[in-house]
Amino acid sequence: MTTTTISCCLSIDEDEPTETRLRRLISEHPVIIFSRSSCCMCHVMKKLLATVGVHPTVIELDDREMASLPPPPPPLSQYSISPRNPSPAVFIGGTCIGGLESLMALHLSGHLVPKLVEVGALWVSAASIRRGL
């Protein structure tokens, strides 16, 4: 498993089963993106999150590891990871948001920033709230 981290250190136990490792990483990081190294959509996800002030942990996975990711909840599954294109997948607060389309839809609906604040990935001051952030 190749790892790239933007936010903090990752603990990896090579003897840990892939699914267990992925679930642990998801629970340890408020915002985490699983991707492939050549994925341009991951770059767009990182830019969008950086624009609102969040720098996610990014983990590069191979095909077998991508298949071990937990699926998104049913309301989001129409926009998210599919067997043909499971990458990138973003998790916020331990919940699979899905792919780029789902993250963008969350942002455009005005629900992304409140969700990031709720999980502690983004700190928003009272002044920012009054300005409508």
N, C-alpha and C. Protein backbone atom coordinates (compact mmCIF):
# COMPACT_ATOMS: atom_id res chain seq x y z
N MET A 1 0.85 -1.17 0.00
CA MET A 1 0.00 0.00 0.00
C MET A 1 0.89 1.23 0.00
N THR A 2 0.71 2.10 -0.95
CA THR A 2 1.45 3.34 -1.02
C THR A 2 0.67 4.39 -0.27
N THR A 3 1.37 5.19 0.54
CA THR A 3 0.64 6.21 1.28
C THR A 3 1.23 7.57 1.03
N THR A 4 0.37 8.52 0.97
CA THR A 4 0.75 9.91 0.89
C THR A 4 -0.10 10.62 1.92
N THR A 5 0.53 11.40 2.78
CA THR A 5 -0.26 12.09 3.79
C THR A 5 -0.04 13.57 3.69
N ILE A 6 -1.12 14.30 3.87
CA ILE A 6 -1.03 15.75 3.83
C ILE A 6 -1.19 16.31 5.23
N SER A 7 -1.90 15.59 6.10
CA SER A 7 -2.21 16.18 7.39
C SER A 7 -1.36 15.67 8.54
N CYS A 8 -1.28 14.38 8.77
CA CYS A 8 -0.54 13.89 9.92
C CYS A 8 0.01 12.50 9.64
N CYS A 9 0.68 11.93 10.61
CA CYS A 9 1.30 10.63 10.46
C CYS A 9 0.26 9.52 10.37
N LEU A 10 0.60 8.48 9.63
CA LEU A 10 -0.26 7.32 9.49
C LEU A 10 0.42 6.14 10.16
N SER A 11 -0.36 5.33 10.85
CA SER A 11 0.21 4.12 11.41
C SER A 11 -0.26 2.96 10.56
N ILE A 12 0.68 2.19 10.05
CA ILE A 12 0.35 1.08 9.17
C ILE A 12 0.98 -0.18 9.72
N ASP A 13 0.14 -1.18 9.92
CA ASP A 13 0.57 -2.49 10.37
C ASP A 13 0.40 -3.42 9.17
N GLU A 14 1.50 -3.88 8.61
CA GLU A 14 1.44 -4.71 7.40
C GLU A 14 0.70 -6.02 7.63
N ASP A 15 0.63 -6.51 8.88
CA ASP A 15 -0.07 -7.76 9.16
C ASP A 15 -1.58 -7.55 9.31
N GLU A 16 -1.99 -6.31 9.39
CA GLU A 16 -3.40 -5.99 9.55
C GLU A 16 -4.13 -6.25 8.22
N PRO A 17 -5.28 -6.93 8.25
CA PRO A 17 -6.02 -7.15 7.00
C PRO A 17 -6.39 -5.82 6.35
N THR A 18 -6.44 -5.80 5.03
CA THR A 18 -6.70 -4.57 4.28
C THR A 18 -7.99 -3.90 4.72
N GLU A 19 -9.08 -4.63 4.82
CA GLU A 19 -10.35 -4.01 5.19
C GLU A 19 -10.29 -3.40 6.59
N THR A 20 -9.63 -4.08 7.52
CA THR A 20 -9.48 -3.56 8.88
C THR A 20 -8.64 -2.29 8.87
N ARG A 21 -7.56 -2.31 8.10
CA ARG A 21 -6.67 -1.14 8.00
C ARG A 21 -7.43 0.06 7.44
N LEU A 22 -8.21 -0.17 6.38
CA LEU A 22 -8.96 0.93 5.78
C LEU A 22 -9.99 1.50 6.74
N ARG A 23 -10.71 0.63 7.43
CA ARG A 23 -11.71 1.11 8.41
C ARG A 23 -11.04 1.89 9.54
N ARG A 24 -9.87 1.43 9.97
CA ARG A 24 -9.16 2.14 11.03
C ARG A 24 -8.71 3.52 10.55
N LEU A 25 -8.15 3.59 9.35
CA LEU A 25 -7.72 4.87 8.81
C LEU A 25 -8.89 5.83 8.65
N ILE A 26 -10.02 5.31 8.21
CA ILE A 26 -11.23 6.13 8.06
C ILE A 26 -11.64 6.70 9.41
N SER A 27 -11.57 5.89 10.45
CA SER A 27 -12.00 6.36 11.78
C SER A 27 -10.99 7.31 12.42
N GLU A 28 -9.73 7.25 12.01
CA GLU A 28 -8.68 8.09 12.60
C GLU A 28 -8.59 9.48 11.99
N HIS A 29 -9.19 9.70 10.83
CA HIS A 29 -9.02 10.97 10.12
C HIS A 29 -10.38 11.58 9.80
N PRO A 30 -10.58 12.86 10.15
CA PRO A 30 -11.89 13.47 9.89
C PRO A 30 -12.21 13.57 8.40
N VAL A 31 -11.19 13.78 7.57
CA VAL A 31 -11.40 13.82 6.11
C VAL A 31 -10.27 13.02 5.47
N ILE A 32 -10.65 12.00 4.74
CA ILE A 32 -9.65 11.15 4.09
C ILE A 32 -10.12 10.81 2.69
N ILE A 33 -9.20 10.87 1.75
CA ILE A 33 -9.48 10.53 0.36
C ILE A 33 -8.65 9.31 0.00
N PHE A 34 -9.31 8.31 -0.57
CA PHE A 34 -8.62 7.15 -1.11
C PHE A 34 -8.61 7.30 -2.62
N SER A 35 -7.43 7.16 -3.20
CA SER A 35 -7.29 7.43 -4.62
C SER A 35 -6.21 6.57 -5.24
N ARG A 36 -6.01 6.78 -6.51
CA ARG A 36 -4.87 6.22 -7.24
C ARG A 36 -3.94 7.38 -7.56
N SER A 37 -2.67 7.09 -7.73
CA SER A 37 -1.70 8.17 -7.93
C SER A 37 -1.97 9.00 -9.18
N SER A 38 -2.53 8.41 -10.21
CA SER A 38 -2.75 9.13 -11.46
C SER A 38 -4.13 9.75 -11.58
N CYS A 39 -4.88 9.82 -10.48
CA CYS A 39 -6.27 10.28 -10.55
C CYS A 39 -6.37 11.80 -10.51
N CYS A 40 -6.82 12.40 -11.61
CA CYS A 40 -6.96 13.85 -11.66
C CYS A 40 -8.15 14.33 -10.83
N MET A 41 -9.17 13.46 -10.64
CA MET A 41 -10.33 13.85 -9.84
C MET A 41 -9.94 14.04 -8.37
N CYS A 42 -8.95 13.27 -7.91
CA CYS A 42 -8.46 13.44 -6.54
C CYS A 42 -7.85 14.83 -6.38
N HIS A 43 -7.14 15.28 -7.39
CA HIS A 43 -6.55 16.63 -7.36
C HIS A 43 -7.65 17.68 -7.22
N VAL A 44 -8.74 17.52 -7.95
CA VAL A 44 -9.86 18.46 -7.88
C VAL A 44 -10.50 18.41 -6.49
N MET A 45 -10.65 17.20 -5.94
CA MET A 45 -11.21 17.07 -4.58
C MET A 45 -10.34 17.82 -3.57
N LYS A 46 -9.02 17.61 -3.66
CA LYS A 46 -8.11 18.28 -2.72
C LYS A 46 -8.19 19.80 -2.86
N LYS A 47 -8.29 20.28 -4.10
CA LYS A 47 -8.40 21.73 -4.34
C LYS A 47 -9.69 22.29 -3.75
N LEU A 48 -10.80 21.58 -3.96
CA LEU A 48 -12.08 22.03 -3.42
C LEU A 48 -12.02 22.10 -1.89
N LEU A 49 -11.51 21.05 -1.27
CA LEU A 49 -11.42 21.03 0.20
C LEU A 49 -10.46 22.10 0.71
N ALA A 50 -9.34 22.30 0.02
CA ALA A 50 -8.38 23.33 0.42
C ALA A 50 -9.01 24.72 0.31
N THR A 51 -9.87 24.91 -0.68
CA THR A 51 -10.55 26.20 -0.86
C THR A 51 -11.39 26.56 0.36
N VAL A 52 -12.00 25.55 1.00
CA VAL A 52 -12.81 25.83 2.19
C VAL A 52 -11.98 25.75 3.47
N GLY A 53 -10.68 25.41 3.35
CA GLY A 53 -9.79 25.43 4.51
C GLY A 53 -9.47 24.08 5.12
N VAL A 54 -9.70 23.00 4.39
CA VAL A 54 -9.43 21.65 4.89
C VAL A 54 -8.36 20.99 4.03
N HIS A 55 -7.42 20.35 4.69
CA HIS A 55 -6.37 19.61 3.99
C HIS A 55 -6.50 18.15 4.37
N PRO A 56 -7.13 17.35 3.49
CA PRO A 56 -7.42 15.95 3.83
C PRO A 56 -6.19 15.06 3.81
N THR A 57 -6.30 13.96 4.48
CA THR A 57 -5.31 12.90 4.35
C THR A 57 -5.62 12.19 3.04
N VAL A 58 -4.59 11.90 2.25
CA VAL A 58 -4.80 11.23 0.96
C VAL A 58 -3.99 9.94 0.97
N ILE A 59 -4.68 8.84 0.69
CA ILE A 59 -4.06 7.53 0.65
C ILE A 59 -4.20 6.97 -0.76
N GLU A 60 -3.10 6.54 -1.35
CA GLU A 60 -3.14 5.93 -2.67
C GLU A 60 -3.24 4.42 -2.49
N LEU A 61 -4.22 3.83 -3.16
CA LEU A 61 -4.48 2.40 -3.04
C LEU A 61 -4.37 1.70 -4.38
N ASP A 62 -4.12 0.39 -4.33
CA ASP A 62 -4.18 -0.40 -5.55
C ASP A 62 -5.61 -0.89 -5.76
N ASP A 63 -5.87 -1.58 -6.86
CA ASP A 63 -7.24 -2.01 -7.20
C ASP A 63 -7.85 -2.91 -6.13
N ARG A 64 -7.07 -3.84 -5.58
CA ARG A 64 -7.58 -4.76 -4.57
C ARG A 64 -7.99 -4.00 -3.32
N GLU A 65 -7.19 -3.03 -2.93
CA GLU A 65 -7.50 -2.24 -1.73
C GLU A 65 -8.71 -1.34 -1.97
N MET A 66 -8.83 -0.77 -3.17
CA MET A 66 -10.00 0.06 -3.48
C MET A 66 -11.28 -0.75 -3.35
N ALA A 67 -11.23 -2.01 -3.75
CA ALA A 67 -12.41 -2.87 -3.68
C ALA A 67 -12.82 -3.16 -2.23
N SER A 68 -11.90 -2.96 -1.28
CA SER A 68 -12.18 -3.22 0.13
C SER A 68 -12.82 -2.05 0.86
N LEU A 69 -12.94 -0.90 0.18
CA LEU A 69 -13.54 0.26 0.83
C LEU A 69 -15.01 0.02 1.13
N PRO A 70 -15.50 0.50 2.28
CA PRO A 70 -16.93 0.36 2.57
C PRO A 70 -17.75 1.21 1.60
N PRO A 71 -18.95 0.74 1.25
CA PRO A 71 -19.78 1.49 0.30
C PRO A 71 -20.43 2.71 0.95
N PRO A 72 -20.87 3.66 0.13
CA PRO A 72 -21.58 4.83 0.66
C PRO A 72 -22.97 4.44 1.11
N PRO A 73 -23.59 5.24 1.97
CA PRO A 73 -24.98 4.96 2.36
C PRO A 73 -25.89 5.12 1.14
N PRO A 74 -27.06 4.46 1.13
CA PRO A 74 -27.95 4.46 -0.05
C PRO A 74 -28.29 5.82 -0.65
N PRO A 75 -28.59 6.87 0.11
CA PRO A 75 -28.96 8.12 -0.57
C PRO A 75 -27.83 8.69 -1.42
N LEU A 76 -26.58 8.35 -1.10
CA LEU A 76 -25.45 8.91 -1.84
C LEU A 76 -24.97 7.98 -2.95
N SER A 77 -25.39 6.73 -2.94
CA SER A 77 -24.82 5.75 -3.85
C SER A 77 -25.04 6.08 -5.32
N GLN A 78 -26.07 6.84 -5.66
CA GLN A 78 -26.30 7.18 -7.06
C GLN A 78 -25.20 8.06 -7.64
N TYR A 79 -24.47 8.79 -6.80
CA TYR A 79 -23.44 9.69 -7.29
C TYR A 79 -22.03 9.22 -6.98
N SER A 80 -21.88 8.10 -6.33
CA SER A 80 -20.56 7.79 -5.80
C SER A 80 -19.87 6.64 -6.48
N ILE A 81 -18.95 6.07 -5.74
CA ILE A 81 -18.05 5.07 -6.28
C ILE A 81 -18.80 3.90 -6.90
N SER A 82 -18.35 3.48 -8.06
CA SER A 82 -18.95 2.35 -8.75
C SER A 82 -17.87 1.32 -9.01
N PRO A 83 -18.22 0.09 -9.33
CA PRO A 83 -17.20 -0.91 -9.60
C PRO A 83 -16.25 -0.53 -10.73
N ARG A 84 -16.75 0.22 -11.74
CA ARG A 84 -15.88 0.61 -12.85
C ARG A 84 -14.95 1.74 -12.46
N ASN A 85 -15.37 2.63 -11.60
CA ASN A 85 -14.57 3.80 -11.25
C ASN A 85 -14.65 4.07 -9.75
N PRO A 86 -13.99 3.24 -8.94
CA PRO A 86 -14.11 3.39 -7.50
C PRO A 86 -13.23 4.49 -6.93
N SER A 87 -12.53 5.22 -7.74
CA SER A 87 -11.57 6.18 -7.25
C SER A 87 -11.88 7.55 -7.82
N PRO A 88 -11.73 8.60 -7.07
CA PRO A 88 -11.40 8.67 -5.65
C PRO A 88 -12.66 8.52 -4.80
N ALA A 89 -12.46 8.16 -3.56
CA ALA A 89 -13.54 8.06 -2.59
C ALA A 89 -13.18 8.91 -1.39
N VAL A 90 -14.08 9.80 -0.98
CA VAL A 90 -13.83 10.67 0.16
C VAL A 90 -14.73 10.25 1.31
N PHE A 91 -14.14 10.25 2.51
CA PHE A 91 -14.86 9.95 3.74
C PHE A 91 -14.76 11.17 4.64
N ILE A 92 -15.88 11.61 5.17
CA ILE A 92 -15.91 12.74 6.09
C ILE A 92 -16.57 12.26 7.37
N GLY A 93 -15.84 12.36 8.46
CA GLY A 93 -16.37 11.91 9.74
C GLY A 93 -16.69 10.43 9.76
N GLY A 94 -15.92 9.63 9.04
CA GLY A 94 -16.13 8.20 9.01
C GLY A 94 -17.20 7.73 8.05
N THR A 95 -17.87 8.65 7.36
CA THR A 95 -18.93 8.30 6.43
C THR A 95 -18.46 8.48 5.00
N CYS A 96 -18.72 7.49 4.17
CA CYS A 96 -18.36 7.60 2.76
C CYS A 96 -19.28 8.61 2.08
N ILE A 97 -18.69 9.67 1.58
CA ILE A 97 -19.44 10.68 0.82
C ILE A 97 -19.58 10.20 -0.61
N GLY A 98 -18.55 9.55 -1.11
CA GLY A 98 -18.55 9.03 -2.47
C GLY A 98 -17.44 9.64 -3.28
N GLY A 99 -17.73 9.90 -4.54
CA GLY A 99 -16.73 10.44 -5.44
C GLY A 99 -16.81 11.95 -5.57
N LEU A 100 -16.18 12.45 -6.61
CA LEU A 100 -16.10 13.89 -6.84
C LEU A 100 -17.49 14.50 -7.01
N GLU A 101 -18.37 13.82 -7.74
CA GLU A 101 -19.71 14.37 -7.98
C GLU A 101 -20.46 14.56 -6.66
N SER A 102 -20.35 13.60 -5.77
CA SER A 102 -21.03 13.69 -4.47
C SER A 102 -20.46 14.81 -3.62
N LEU A 103 -19.13 14.94 -3.63
CA LEU A 103 -18.49 16.01 -2.86
C LEU A 103 -18.91 17.36 -3.41
N MET A 104 -18.93 17.50 -4.73
CA MET A 104 -19.33 18.76 -5.35
C MET A 104 -20.80 19.06 -5.05
N ALA A 105 -21.66 18.05 -5.10
CA ALA A 105 -23.08 18.24 -4.80
C ALA A 105 -23.27 18.69 -3.36
N LEU A 106 -22.50 18.11 -2.45
CA LEU A 106 -22.56 18.50 -1.04
C LEU A 106 -22.14 19.96 -0.89
N HIS A 107 -21.11 20.36 -1.61
CA HIS A 107 -20.62 21.74 -1.55
C HIS A 107 -21.65 22.71 -2.15
N LEU A 108 -22.17 22.39 -3.32
CA LEU A 108 -23.11 23.29 -3.99
C LEU A 108 -24.43 23.42 -3.22
N SER A 109 -24.79 22.39 -2.46
CA SER A 109 -26.02 22.45 -1.67
C SER A 109 -25.84 23.23 -0.37
N GLY A 110 -24.58 23.59 -0.07
CA GLY A 110 -24.31 24.33 1.16
C GLY A 110 -24.14 23.45 2.38
N HIS A 111 -24.04 22.14 2.20
CA HIS A 111 -23.92 21.23 3.33
C HIS A 111 -22.49 20.80 3.63
N LEU A 112 -21.53 21.09 2.75
CA LEU A 112 -20.16 20.64 2.96
C LEU A 112 -19.51 21.31 4.17
N VAL A 113 -19.52 22.63 4.22
CA VAL A 113 -18.87 23.34 5.33
C VAL A 113 -19.48 22.96 6.68
N PRO A 114 -20.81 22.94 6.84
CA PRO A 114 -21.36 22.51 8.13
C PRO A 114 -20.94 21.09 8.52
N LYS A 115 -20.85 20.20 7.53
CA LYS A 115 -20.43 18.83 7.82
C LYS A 115 -18.97 18.80 8.27
N LEU A 116 -18.12 19.57 7.62
CA LEU A 116 -16.71 19.64 8.00
C LEU A 116 -16.54 20.23 9.40
N VAL A 117 -17.34 21.23 9.73
CA VAL A 117 -17.31 21.82 11.08
C VAL A 117 -17.77 20.78 12.09
N GLU A 118 -18.84 20.07 11.76
CA GLU A 118 -19.41 19.06 12.66
C GLU A 118 -18.40 17.97 13.04
N VAL A 119 -17.57 17.55 12.10
CA VAL A 119 -16.61 16.47 12.37
C VAL A 119 -15.27 16.99 12.88
N GLY A 120 -15.14 18.31 13.03
CA GLY A 120 -13.91 18.89 13.57
C GLY A 120 -12.80 19.07 12.56
N ALA A 121 -13.12 18.98 11.28
CA ALA A 121 -12.11 19.16 10.25
C ALA A 121 -11.92 20.62 9.88
N LEU A 122 -12.87 21.45 10.30
CA LEU A 122 -12.83 22.87 9.95
C LEU A 122 -13.32 23.66 11.14
N TRP A 123 -12.57 24.66 11.49
CA TRP A 123 -12.96 25.55 12.58
C TRP A 123 -13.51 26.82 11.97
N VAL A 124 -14.69 27.19 12.37
CA VAL A 124 -15.32 28.39 11.84
C VAL A 124 -15.62 29.33 13.01
N SER A 125 -15.17 30.57 12.89
CA SER A 125 -15.38 31.56 13.94
C SER A 125 -16.82 32.09 13.89
N ALA A 126 -17.26 32.69 14.97
CA ALA A 126 -18.59 33.30 15.01
C ALA A 126 -18.72 34.39 13.95
N ALA A 127 -17.63 35.13 13.70
CA ALA A 127 -17.66 36.18 12.69
C ALA A 127 -17.89 35.59 11.29
N SER A 128 -17.28 34.45 11.02
CA SER A 128 -17.46 33.79 9.73
C SER A 128 -18.89 33.31 9.56
N ILE A 129 -19.46 32.81 10.63
CA ILE A 129 -20.85 32.36 10.58
C ILE A 129 -21.77 33.53 10.28
N ARG A 130 -21.51 34.69 10.91
CA ARG A 130 -22.35 35.89 10.67
C ARG A 130 -22.22 36.36 9.22
N ARG A 131 -21.03 36.16 8.61
CA ARG A 131 -20.83 36.56 7.23
C ARG A 131 -21.43 35.55 6.26
N GLY A 132 -21.89 34.41 6.77
CA GLY A 132 -22.54 33.44 5.91
C GLY A 132 -21.64 32.37 5.37
N LEU A 133 -20.50 32.09 5.99
CA LEU A 133 -19.63 31.02 5.53
C LEU A 133 -20.30 29.69 5.70
